[in-house]
Amino acid sequence: MNLKVILEPSDEGGFTALVPSLPGCISEGDTREDALTNIREAIALYLDPIEDDMAGTEQAEQLEVAI
């Protein structure tokens, strides 16, 4: 899955990363690399409840669609 991530310098130093398609999915790090690592973890945690909900549904399908 590919998601757009916005990475910007933070006023306090370091970087802030956010995912526009996942409201409230925001992270930060001291470096670009730290911020990207942290946002990947935040995305996984954000999406984890969705995958758990689908796991118990036999008729559910998980698809990727281009928009």
C-alpha atoms as a PDB file:
ATOM      1  CA  MET A   1       0.000   0.000   0.000  1.00  0.00           C
ATOM      2  CA  ASN A   2       1.318   3.430  -0.885  1.00  0.00           C
ATOM      3  CA  LEU A   3       0.164   6.522   0.987  1.00  0.00           C
ATOM      4  CA  LYS A   4       1.112  10.156   0.512  1.00  0.00           C
ATOM      5  CA  VAL A   5       3.123  11.484   3.470  1.00  0.00           C
ATOM      6  CA  ILE A   6       3.771  15.170   4.035  1.00  0.00           C
ATOM      7  CA  LEU A   7       7.114  15.797   5.712  1.00  0.00           C
ATOM      8  CA  GLU A   8       7.941  19.283   6.929  1.00  0.00           C
ATOM      9  CA  PRO A   9      10.513  20.879   9.211  1.00  0.00           C
ATOM     10  CA  SER A  10       9.174  21.534  12.691  1.00  0.00           C
ATOM     11  CA  ASP A  11       9.514  24.957  14.340  1.00  0.00           C
ATOM     12  CA  GLU A  12      11.023  23.262  17.399  1.00  0.00           C
ATOM     13  CA  GLY A  13      13.561  21.347  15.294  1.00  0.00           C
ATOM     14  CA  GLY A  14      13.275  17.967  13.652  1.00  0.00           C
ATOM     15  CA  PHE A  15      10.501  16.999  11.269  1.00  0.00           C
ATOM     16  CA  THR A  16       6.747  16.431  11.395  1.00  0.00           C
ATOM     17  CA  ALA A  17       5.134  13.791   9.171  1.00  0.00           C
ATOM     18  CA  LEU A  18       1.430  13.431   8.471  1.00  0.00           C
ATOM     19  CA  VAL A  19      -0.772  11.324   6.233  1.00  0.00           C
ATOM     20  CA  PRO A  20      -3.595  13.384   4.687  1.00  0.00           C
ATOM     21  CA  SER A  21      -5.703  10.316   3.849  1.00  0.00           C
ATOM     22  CA  LEU A  22      -5.579   9.088   7.476  1.00  0.00           C
ATOM     23  CA  PRO A  23      -6.982  11.863   9.694  1.00  0.00           C
ATOM     24  CA  GLY A  24      -4.988  12.263  12.883  1.00  0.00           C
ATOM     25  CA  CYS A  25      -2.101  10.091  11.691  1.00  0.00           C
ATOM     26  CA  ILE A  26       0.824  12.343  12.611  1.00  0.00           C
ATOM     27  CA  SER A  27       4.315  11.658  13.895  1.00  0.00           C
ATOM     28  CA  GLU A  28       7.668  13.377  14.214  1.00  0.00           C
ATOM     29  CA  GLY A  29      11.372  12.710  14.496  1.00  0.00           C
ATOM     30  CA  ASP A  30      14.682  14.431  15.034  1.00  0.00           C
ATOM     31  CA  THR A  31      15.755  13.650  11.454  1.00  0.00           C
ATOM     32  CA  ARG A  32      13.953  12.983   8.162  1.00  0.00           C
ATOM     33  CA  GLU A  33      14.759   9.296   8.522  1.00  0.00           C
ATOM     34  CA  ASP A  34      13.439   9.176  12.109  1.00  0.00           C
ATOM     35  CA  ALA A  35      10.226  10.947  11.090  1.00  0.00           C
ATOM     36  CA  LEU A  36       9.680   8.521   8.193  1.00  0.00           C
ATOM     37  CA  THR A  37      10.348   5.501  10.402  1.00  0.00           C
ATOM     38  CA  ASN A  38       7.945   6.853  13.018  1.00  0.00           C
ATOM     39  CA  ILE A  39       5.186   7.643  10.510  1.00  0.00           C
ATOM     40  CA  ARG A  40       5.425   4.104   9.099  1.00  0.00           C
ATOM     41  CA  GLU A  41       4.838   2.776  12.622  1.00  0.00           C
ATOM     42  CA  ALA A  42       1.979   5.260  13.140  1.00  0.00           C
ATOM     43  CA  ILE A  43       0.353   4.121   9.871  1.00  0.00           C
ATOM     44  CA  ALA A  44       0.614   0.469  10.910  1.00  0.00           C
ATOM     45  CA  LEU A  45      -0.954   1.240  14.301  1.00  0.00           C
ATOM     46  CA  TYR A  46      -3.653   3.374  12.672  1.00  0.00           C
ATOM     47  CA  LEU A  47      -4.624   0.597  10.269  1.00  0.00           C
ATOM     48  CA  ASP A  48      -4.269  -2.306  12.727  1.00  0.00           C
ATOM     49  CA  PRO A  49      -7.824  -2.037  14.160  1.00  0.00           C
ATOM     50  CA  ILE A  50      -9.241  -2.105  10.623  1.00  0.00           C
ATOM     51  CA  GLU A  51      -7.414  -5.343   9.836  1.00  0.00           C
ATOM     52  CA  ASP A  52      -8.540  -6.849  13.173  1.00  0.00           C
ATOM     53  CA  ASP A  53     -12.172  -5.993  12.395  1.00  0.00           C
ATOM     54  CA  MET A  54     -11.942  -7.638   8.986  1.00  0.00           C
ATOM     55  CA  ALA A  55     -10.217 -10.788  10.247  1.00  0.00           C
ATOM     56  CA  GLY A  56     -13.406 -12.156  11.797  1.00  0.00           C
ATOM     57  CA  THR A  57     -15.595 -11.562   8.755  1.00  0.00           C
ATOM     58  CA  GLU A  58     -15.557 -14.502   6.354  1.00  0.00           C
ATOM     59  CA  GLN A  59     -17.098 -12.582   3.451  1.00  0.00           C
ATOM     60  CA  ALA A  60     -14.853  -9.523   3.747  1.00  0.00           C
ATOM     61  CA  GLU A  61     -12.395  -8.783   0.976  1.00  0.00           C
ATOM     62  CA  GLN A  62      -9.337  -6.596   1.189  1.00  0.00           C
ATOM     63  CA  LEU A  63      -8.599  -4.791  -2.072  1.00  0.00           C
ATOM     64  CA  GLU A  64      -6.292  -2.080  -3.293  1.00  0.00           C
ATOM     65  CA  VAL A  65      -7.804   0.514  -5.608  1.00  0.00           C
ATOM     66  CA  ALA A  66      -6.195   3.346  -7.516  1.00  0.00           C
ATOM     67  CA  ILE A  67      -7.757   6.759  -7.086  1.00  0.00           C
END
